[in-house]
Amino acid sequence: MDLKEKVATILRSAFQPDALVLDDSDGLSGYITYAKFRGFDSLDRQKMLDKVLRATDSGLTKPELREILVIAALTPEEQALHTAE
């Protein structure tokens, strides 16, 4: 399983997101859309993602974690604003 698939599996299991889009060109980046991110500021959302990805049971190695550049954590409303642009 490649890194993109591993991360997608981990995030889907932890959050059951409304949408998850990942791109693995020159490092892993993308976004996760999840209604339950409402009420959390962006730093708290990133901490939530980081905690899940860095958990020992995630199975991600330190080199794999270094390949994850950015995964934006969005509410459905925020995603709709970005999609409309």
PDB file of N, CA and C in Angstrom:
ATOM      1  N   MET A   1       0.854  -1.182   0.000  1.00  0.00           N
ATOM      2  CA  MET A   1       0.000   0.000   0.000  1.00  0.00           C
ATOM      3  C   MET A   1       0.894   1.237   0.000  1.00  0.00           C
ATOM      4  N   ASP A   2       0.607   2.186  -0.889  1.00  0.00           N
ATOM      5  CA  ASP A   2       1.438   3.385  -0.929  1.00  0.00           C
ATOM      6  C   ASP A   2       0.973   4.395   0.130  1.00  0.00           C
ATOM      7  N   LEU A   3       1.756   5.454   0.297  1.00  0.00           N
ATOM      8  CA  LEU A   3       1.500   6.429   1.359  1.00  0.00           C
ATOM      9  C   LEU A   3       0.125   7.072   1.225  1.00  0.00           C
ATOM     10  N   LYS A   4      -0.245   7.437   0.016  1.00  0.00           N
ATOM     11  CA  LYS A   4      -1.548   8.071  -0.204  1.00  0.00           C
ATOM     12  C   LYS A   4      -2.676   7.162   0.282  1.00  0.00           C
ATOM     13  N   GLU A   5      -2.605   5.884  -0.050  1.00  0.00           N
ATOM     14  CA  GLU A   5      -3.625   4.927   0.381  1.00  0.00           C
ATOM     15  C   GLU A   5      -3.616   4.740   1.891  1.00  0.00           C
ATOM     16  N   LYS A   6      -2.413   4.674   2.487  1.00  0.00           N
ATOM     17  CA  LYS A   6      -2.310   4.523   3.945  1.00  0.00           C
ATOM     18  C   LYS A   6      -2.964   5.694   4.660  1.00  0.00           C
ATOM     19  N   VAL A   7      -2.612   6.907   4.241  1.00  0.00           N
ATOM     20  CA  VAL A   7      -3.147   8.109   4.892  1.00  0.00           C
ATOM     21  C   VAL A   7      -4.659   8.190   4.695  1.00  0.00           C
ATOM     22  N   ALA A   8      -5.129   7.889   3.498  1.00  0.00           N
ATOM     23  CA  ALA A   8      -6.564   7.919   3.234  1.00  0.00           C
ATOM     24  C   ALA A   8      -7.301   6.932   4.142  1.00  0.00           C
ATOM     25  N   THR A   9      -6.763   5.738   4.293  1.00  0.00           N
ATOM     26  CA  THR A   9      -7.379   4.729   5.156  1.00  0.00           C
ATOM     27  C   THR A   9      -7.421   5.195   6.605  1.00  0.00           C
ATOM     28  N   ILE A  10      -6.315   5.760   7.075  1.00  0.00           N
ATOM     29  CA  ILE A  10      -6.243   6.237   8.465  1.00  0.00           C
ATOM     30  C   ILE A  10      -7.254   7.357   8.706  1.00  0.00           C
ATOM     31  N   LEU A  11      -7.293   8.335   7.798  1.00  0.00           N
ATOM     32  CA  LEU A  11      -8.190   9.476   7.984  1.00  0.00           C
ATOM     33  C   LEU A  11      -9.657   9.083   7.841  1.00  0.00           C
ATOM     34  N   ARG A  12      -9.959   8.205   6.905  1.00  0.00           N
ATOM     35  CA  ARG A  12     -11.351   7.753   6.760  1.00  0.00           C
ATOM     36  C   ARG A  12     -11.811   6.992   8.006  1.00  0.00           C
ATOM     37  N   SER A  13     -10.930   6.195   8.556  1.00  0.00           N
ATOM     38  CA  SER A  13     -11.267   5.421   9.752  1.00  0.00           C
ATOM     39  C   SER A  13     -11.484   6.330  10.959  1.00  0.00           C
ATOM     40  N   ALA A  14     -10.646   7.345  11.103  1.00  0.00           N
ATOM     41  CA  ALA A  14     -10.716   8.223  12.273  1.00  0.00           C
ATOM     42  C   ALA A  14     -11.849   9.243  12.196  1.00  0.00           C
ATOM     43  N   PHE A  15     -12.149   9.729  10.988  1.00  0.00           N
ATOM     44  CA  PHE A  15     -13.083  10.849  10.872  1.00  0.00           C
ATOM     45  C   PHE A  15     -14.363  10.564  10.096  1.00  0.00           C
ATOM     46  N   GLN A  16     -14.423   9.548   9.265  1.00  0.00           N
ATOM     47  CA  GLN A  16     -15.564   9.347   8.370  1.00  0.00           C
ATOM     48  C   GLN A  16     -15.920  10.661   7.661  1.00  0.00           C
ATOM     49  N   PRO A  17     -14.972  11.204   6.873  1.00  0.00           N
ATOM     50  CA  PRO A  17     -15.145  12.535   6.291  1.00  0.00           C
ATOM     51  C   PRO A  17     -16.199  12.584   5.191  1.00  0.00           C
ATOM     52  N   ASP A  18     -16.695  13.808   4.950  1.00  0.00           N
ATOM     53  CA  ASP A  18     -17.611  14.047   3.837  1.00  0.00           C
ATOM     54  C   ASP A  18     -16.845  13.971   2.517  1.00  0.00           C
ATOM     55  N   ALA A  19     -15.579  14.403   2.536  1.00  0.00           N
ATOM     56  CA  ALA A  19     -14.723  14.350   1.342  1.00  0.00           C
ATOM     57  C   ALA A  19     -13.273  14.240   1.789  1.00  0.00           C
ATOM     58  N   LEU A  20     -12.493  13.563   0.979  1.00  0.00           N
ATOM     59  CA  LEU A  20     -11.063  13.443   1.230  1.00  0.00           C
ATOM     60  C   LEU A  20     -10.367  13.422  -0.122  1.00  0.00           C
ATOM     61  N   VAL A  21      -9.520  14.416  -0.356  1.00  0.00           N
ATOM     62  CA  VAL A  21      -8.792  14.522  -1.616  1.00  0.00           C
ATOM     63  C   VAL A  21      -7.314  14.625  -1.289  1.00  0.00           C
ATOM     64  N   LEU A  22      -6.533  13.690  -1.804  1.00  0.00           N
ATOM     65  CA  LEU A  22      -5.096  13.681  -1.561  1.00  0.00           C
ATOM     66  C   LEU A  22      -4.356  13.618  -2.887  1.00  0.00           C
ATOM     67  N   ASP A  23      -3.236  14.322  -2.964  1.00  0.00           N
ATOM     68  CA  ASP A  23      -2.376  14.325  -4.144  1.00  0.00           C
ATOM     69  C   ASP A  23      -0.971  13.957  -3.682  1.00  0.00           C
ATOM     70  N   ASP A  24      -0.356  13.016  -4.365  1.00  0.00           N
ATOM     71  CA  ASP A  24       0.959  12.558  -3.911  1.00  0.00           C
ATOM     72  C   ASP A  24       2.097  12.942  -4.855  1.00  0.00           C
ATOM     73  N   SER A  25       1.964  14.063  -5.538  1.00  0.00           N
ATOM     74  CA  SER A  25       3.070  14.521  -6.380  1.00  0.00           C
ATOM     75  C   SER A  25       3.964  15.445  -5.564  1.00  0.00           C
ATOM     76  N   ASP A  26       5.242  15.115  -5.455  1.00  0.00           N
ATOM     77  CA  ASP A  26       6.222  15.894  -4.686  1.00  0.00           C
ATOM     78  C   ASP A  26       5.848  16.021  -3.212  1.00  0.00           C
ATOM     79  N   GLY A  27       5.337  14.986  -2.629  1.00  0.00           N
ATOM     80  CA  GLY A  27       4.903  14.992  -1.237  1.00  0.00           C
ATOM     81  C   GLY A  27       3.394  14.926  -1.190  1.00  0.00           C
ATOM     82  N   LEU A  28       2.858  14.521  -0.071  1.00  0.00           N
ATOM     83  CA  LEU A  28       1.421  14.333   0.054  1.00  0.00           C
ATOM     84  C   LEU A  28       0.756  15.617   0.535  1.00  0.00           C
ATOM     85  N   SER A  29      -0.281  16.028  -0.176  1.00  0.00           N
ATOM     86  CA  SER A  29      -1.051  17.208   0.226  1.00  0.00           C
ATOM     87  C   SER A  29      -2.508  16.969  -0.153  1.00  0.00           C
ATOM     88  N   GLY A  30      -3.379  17.827   0.352  1.00  0.00           N
ATOM     89  CA  GLY A  30      -4.785  17.710   0.019  1.00  0.00           C
ATOM     90  C   GLY A  30      -5.668  18.321   1.073  1.00  0.00           C
ATOM     91  N   TYR A  31      -6.902  17.829   1.135  1.00  0.00           N
ATOM     92  CA  TYR A  31      -7.822  18.336   2.149  1.00  0.00           C
ATOM     93  C   TYR A  31      -8.794  17.243   2.579  1.00  0.00           C
ATOM     94  N   ILE A  32      -9.301  17.435   3.785  1.00  0.00           N
ATOM     95  CA  ILE A  32     -10.332  16.577   4.343  1.00  0.00           C
ATOM     96  C   ILE A  32     -11.489  17.480   4.757  1.00  0.00           C
ATOM     97  N   THR A  33     -12.689  17.105   4.359  1.00  0.00           N
ATOM     98  CA  THR A  33     -13.889  17.862   4.706  1.00  0.00           C
ATOM     99  C   THR A  33     -14.709  17.026   5.681  1.00  0.00           C
ATOM    100  N   TYR A  34     -15.034  17.647   6.809  1.00  0.00           N
ATOM    101  CA  TYR A  34     -15.695  16.908   7.881  1.00  0.00           C
ATOM    102  C   TYR A  34     -16.581  17.877   8.649  1.00  0.00           C
ATOM    103  N   ALA A  35     -17.857  17.577   8.722  1.00  0.00           N
ATOM    104  CA  ALA A  35     -18.820  18.466   9.378  1.00  0.00           C
ATOM    105  C   ALA A  35     -18.477  18.718  10.845  1.00  0.00           C
ATOM    106  N   LYS A  36     -17.888  17.738  11.518  1.00  0.00           N
ATOM    107  CA  LYS A  36     -17.600  17.895  12.940  1.00  0.00           C
ATOM    108  C   LYS A  36     -16.377  18.774  13.212  1.00  0.00           C
ATOM    109  N   PHE A  37     -15.753  19.323  12.150  1.00  0.00           N
ATOM    110  CA  PHE A  37     -14.705  20.322  12.351  1.00  0.00           C
ATOM    111  C   PHE A  37     -15.306  21.687  12.710  1.00  0.00           C
ATOM    112  N   ARG A  38     -16.612  21.832  12.526  1.00  0.00           N
ATOM    113  CA  ARG A  38     -17.271  23.100  12.886  1.00  0.00           C
ATOM    114  C   ARG A  38     -17.020  23.391  14.363  1.00  0.00           C
ATOM    115  N   GLY A  39     -16.715  24.642  14.664  1.00  0.00           N
ATOM    116  CA  GLY A  39     -16.493  25.042  16.050  1.00  0.00           C
ATOM    117  C   GLY A  39     -15.041  24.933  16.496  1.00  0.00           C
ATOM    118  N   PHE A  40     -14.208  24.290  15.692  1.00  0.00           N
ATOM    119  CA  PHE A  40     -12.776  24.200  15.995  1.00  0.00           C
ATOM    120  C   PHE A  40     -12.017  25.158  15.095  1.00  0.00           C
ATOM    121  N   ASP A  41     -11.019  25.858  15.660  1.00  0.00           N
ATOM    122  CA  ASP A  41     -10.210  26.714  14.804  1.00  0.00           C
ATOM    123  C   ASP A  41      -9.240  25.849  14.006  1.00  0.00           C
ATOM    124  N   SER A  42      -8.605  26.446  13.010  1.00  0.00           N
ATOM    125  CA  SER A  42      -7.759  25.666  12.100  1.00  0.00           C
ATOM    126  C   SER A  42      -6.585  24.997  12.813  1.00  0.00           C
ATOM    127  N   LEU A  43      -6.022  25.639  13.833  1.00  0.00           N
ATOM    128  CA  LEU A  43      -4.918  25.025  14.571  1.00  0.00           C
ATOM    129  C   LEU A  43      -5.384  23.764  15.307  1.00  0.00           C
ATOM    130  N   ASP A  44      -6.548  23.833  15.938  1.00  0.00           N
ATOM    131  CA  ASP A  44      -7.074  22.657  16.637  1.00  0.00           C
ATOM    132  C   ASP A  44      -7.380  21.521  15.662  1.00  0.00           C
ATOM    133  N   ARG A  45      -7.878  21.863  14.484  1.00  0.00           N
ATOM    134  CA  ARG A  45      -8.145  20.835  13.477  1.00  0.00           C
ATOM    135  C   ARG A  45      -6.849  20.159  13.045  1.00  0.00           C
ATOM    136  N   GLN A  46      -5.798  20.949  12.826  1.00  0.00           N
ATOM    137  CA  GLN A  46      -4.511  20.388  12.423  1.00  0.00           C
ATOM    138  C   GLN A  46      -3.947  19.494  13.515  1.00  0.00           C
ATOM    139  N   LYS A  47      -4.155  19.893  14.759  1.00  0.00           N
ATOM    140  CA  LYS A  47      -3.702  19.055  15.879  1.00  0.00           C
ATOM    141  C   LYS A  47      -4.450  17.719  15.886  1.00  0.00           C
ATOM    142  N   MET A  48      -5.736  17.754  15.550  1.00  0.00           N
ATOM    143  CA  MET A  48      -6.518  16.527  15.479  1.00  0.00           C
ATOM    144  C   MET A  48      -5.954  15.590  14.407  1.00  0.00           C
ATOM    145  N   LEU A  49      -5.673  16.141  13.234  1.00  0.00           N
ATOM    146  CA  LEU A  49      -5.105  15.337  12.153  1.00  0.00           C
ATOM    147  C   LEU A  49      -3.739  14.788  12.547  1.00  0.00           C
ATOM    148  N   ASP A  50      -2.919  15.655  13.111  1.00  0.00           N
ATOM    149  CA  ASP A  50      -1.564  15.256  13.500  1.00  0.00           C
ATOM    150  C   ASP A  50      -1.596  14.124  14.530  1.00  0.00           C
ATOM    151  N   LYS A  51      -2.486  14.242  15.495  1.00  0.00           N
ATOM    152  CA  LYS A  51      -2.593  13.223  16.536  1.00  0.00           C
ATOM    153  C   LYS A  51      -2.945  11.861  15.928  1.00  0.00           C
ATOM    154  N   VAL A  52      -3.876  11.856  14.993  1.00  0.00           N
ATOM    155  CA  VAL A  52      -4.295  10.611  14.351  1.00  0.00           C
ATOM    156  C   VAL A  52      -3.160  10.035  13.507  1.00  0.00           C
ATOM    157  N   LEU A  53      -2.499  10.880  12.736  1.00  0.00           N
ATOM    158  CA  LEU A  53      -1.449  10.394  11.842  1.00  0.00           C
ATOM    159  C   LEU A  53      -0.201   9.942  12.599  1.00  0.00           C
ATOM    160  N   ARG A  54       0.090  10.586  13.723  1.00  0.00           N
ATOM    161  CA  ARG A  54       1.290  10.238  14.494  1.00  0.00           C
ATOM    162  C   ARG A  54       1.063   9.151  15.543  1.00  0.00           C
ATOM    163  N   ALA A  55      -0.162   8.715  15.705  1.00  0.00           N
ATOM    164  CA  ALA A  55      -0.454   7.655  16.677  1.00  0.00           C
ATOM    165  C   ALA A  55       0.343   6.403  16.309  1.00  0.00           C
ATOM    166  N   THR A  56       0.839   5.731  17.321  1.00  0.00           N
ATOM    167  CA  THR A  56       1.675   4.554  17.065  1.00  0.00           C
ATOM    168  C   THR A  56       0.926   3.474  16.291  1.00  0.00           C
ATOM    169  N   ASP A  57      -0.382   3.387  16.466  1.00  0.00           N
ATOM    170  CA  ASP A  57      -1.136   2.365  15.745  1.00  0.00           C
ATOM    171  C   ASP A  57      -1.490   2.774  14.312  1.00  0.00           C
ATOM    172  N   SER A  58      -1.088   3.980  13.889  1.00  0.00           N
ATOM    173  CA  SER A  58      -1.355   4.395  12.510  1.00  0.00           C
ATOM    174  C   SER A  58      -0.514   3.592  11.525  1.00  0.00           C
ATOM    175  N   GLY A  59       0.645   3.151  11.987  1.00  0.00           N
ATOM    176  CA  GLY A  59       1.520   2.384  11.115  1.00  0.00           C
ATOM    177  C   GLY A  59       2.408   3.220  10.220  1.00  0.00           C
ATOM    178  N   LEU A  60       2.318   4.551  10.335  1.00  0.00           N
ATOM    179  CA  LEU A  60       3.160   5.418   9.516  1.00  0.00           C
ATOM    180  C   LEU A  60       4.554   5.537  10.128  1.00  0.00           C
ATOM    181  N   THR A  61       5.562   5.443   9.303  1.00  0.00           N
ATOM    182  CA  THR A  61       6.933   5.589   9.761  1.00  0.00           C
ATOM    183  C   THR A  61       7.325   7.060   9.786  1.00  0.00           C
ATOM    184  N   LYS A  62       8.414   7.383  10.460  1.00  0.00           N
ATOM    185  CA  LYS A  62       8.888   8.776  10.490  1.00  0.00           C
ATOM    186  C   LYS A  62       9.184   9.292   9.086  1.00  0.00           C
ATOM    187  N   PRO A  63       9.841   8.522   8.230  1.00  0.00           N
ATOM    188  CA  PRO A  63      10.055   9.015   6.857  1.00  0.00           C
ATOM    189  C   PRO A  63       8.738   9.264   6.110  1.00  0.00           C
ATOM    190  N   GLU A  64       7.740   8.421   6.331  1.00  0.00           N
ATOM    191  CA  GLU A  64       6.441   8.644   5.688  1.00  0.00           C
ATOM    192  C   GLU A  64       5.791   9.920   6.212  1.00  0.00           C
ATOM    193  N   LEU A  65       5.859  10.151   7.508  1.00  0.00           N
ATOM    194  CA  LEU A  65       5.282  11.363   8.090  1.00  0.00           C
ATOM    195  C   LEU A  65       5.931  12.611   7.508  1.00  0.00           C
ATOM    196  N   ARG A  66       7.230  12.533   7.229  1.00  0.00           N
ATOM    197  CA  ARG A  66       7.924  13.687   6.649  1.00  0.00           C
ATOM    198  C   ARG A  66       7.477  13.969   5.223  1.00  0.00           C
ATOM    199  N   GLU A  67       6.902  12.989   4.558  1.00  0.00           N
ATOM    200  CA  GLU A  67       6.414  13.178   3.188  1.00  0.00           C
ATOM    201  C   GLU A  67       5.047  13.873   3.139  1.00  0.00           C
ATOM    202  N   ILE A  68       4.379  13.975   4.285  1.00  0.00           N
ATOM    203  CA  ILE A  68       3.074  14.643   4.333  1.00  0.00           C
ATOM    204  C   ILE A  68       3.327  16.137   4.473  1.00  0.00           C
ATOM    205  N   LEU A  69       3.006  16.872   3.416  1.00  0.00           N
ATOM    206  CA  LEU A  69       3.274  18.315   3.411  1.00  0.00           C
ATOM    207  C   LEU A  69       2.176  19.096   4.119  1.00  0.00           C
ATOM    208  N   VAL A  70       0.965  18.990   3.626  1.00  0.00           N
ATOM    209  CA  VAL A  70      -0.158  19.703   4.240  1.00  0.00           C
ATOM    210  C   VAL A  70      -1.459  19.000   3.855  1.00  0.00           C
ATOM    211  N   ILE A  71      -2.321  18.855   4.845  1.00  0.00           N
ATOM    212  CA  ILE A  71      -3.674  18.373   4.610  1.00  0.00           C
ATOM    213  C   ILE A  71      -4.593  19.362   5.313  1.00  0.00           C
ATOM    214  N   ALA A  72      -5.294  20.151   4.535  1.00  0.00           N
ATOM    215  CA  ALA A  72      -6.193  21.159   5.093  1.00  0.00           C
ATOM    216  C   ALA A  72      -7.425  20.470   5.665  1.00  0.00           C
ATOM    217  N   ALA A  73      -7.859  20.936   6.817  1.00  0.00           N
ATOM    218  CA  ALA A  73      -9.039  20.402   7.489  1.00  0.00           C
ATOM    219  C   ALA A  73     -10.165  21.424   7.358  1.00  0.00           C
ATOM    220  N   LEU A  74     -11.179  21.078   6.572  1.00  0.00           N
ATOM    221  CA  LEU A  74     -12.236  22.028   6.238  1.00  0.00           C
ATOM    222  C   LEU A  74     -13.610  21.552   6.692  1.00  0.00           C
ATOM    223  N   THR A  75     -14.492  22.512   6.952  1.00  0.00           N
ATOM    224  CA  THR A  75     -15.904  22.198   7.139  1.00  0.00           C
ATOM    225  C   THR A  75     -16.532  22.145   5.743  1.00  0.00           C
ATOM    226  N   PRO A  76     -17.705  21.565   5.611  1.00  0.00           N
ATOM    227  CA  PRO A  76     -18.369  21.553   4.301  1.00  0.00           C
ATOM    228  C   PRO A  76     -18.576  22.968   3.732  1.00  0.00           C
ATOM    229  N   GLU A  77     -18.864  23.926   4.605  1.00  0.00           N
ATOM    230  CA  GLU A  77     -19.075  25.302   4.152  1.00  0.00           C
ATOM    231  C   GLU A  77     -17.785  25.896   3.598  1.00  0.00           C
ATOM    232  N   GLU A  78     -16.674  25.620   4.257  1.00  0.00           N
ATOM    233  CA  GLU A  78     -15.380  26.125   3.786  1.00  0.00           C
ATOM    234  C   GLU A  78     -14.999  25.483   2.454  1.00  0.00           C
ATOM    235  N   GLN A  79     -15.265  24.197   2.314  1.00  0.00           N
ATOM    236  CA  GLN A  79     -14.971  23.538   1.056  1.00  0.00           C
ATOM    237  C   GLN A  79     -15.808  24.130  -0.067  1.00  0.00           C
ATOM    238  N   ALA A  80     -17.074  24.410   0.212  1.00  0.00           N
ATOM    239  CA  ALA A  80     -17.961  24.987  -0.798  1.00  0.00           C
ATOM    240  C   ALA A  80     -17.440  26.346  -1.269  1.00  0.00           C
ATOM    241  N   LEU A  81     -16.886  27.134  -0.348  1.00  0.00           N
ATOM    242  CA  LEU A  81     -16.326  28.433  -0.729  1.00  0.00           C
ATOM    243  C   LEU A  81     -15.125  28.256  -1.653  1.00  0.00           C
ATOM    244  N   HIS A  82     -14.266  27.285  -1.359  1.00  0.00           N
ATOM    245  CA  HIS A  82     -13.079  27.052  -2.180  1.00  0.00           C
ATOM    246  C   HIS A  82     -13.448  26.455  -3.526  1.00  0.00           C
ATOM    247  N   THR A  83     -14.470  25.638  -3.563  1.00  0.00           N
ATOM    248  CA  THR A  83     -14.893  25.006  -4.804  1.00  0.00           C
ATOM    249  C   THR A  83     -15.542  26.031  -5.738  1.00  0.00           C
ATOM    250  N   ALA A  84     -16.211  27.025  -5.152  1.00  0.00           N
ATOM    251  CA  ALA A  84     -16.907  28.038  -5.946  1.00  0.00           C
ATOM    252  C   ALA A  84     -15.949  29.011  -6.629  1.00  0.00           C
ATOM    253  N   GLU A  85     -14.712  29.084  -6.148  1.00  0.00           N
ATOM    254  CA  GLU A  85     -13.751  30.045  -6.707  1.00  0.00           C
ATOM    255  C   GLU A  85     -13.248  29.622  -8.051  1.00  0.00           C
TER     256      GLU A  85
END
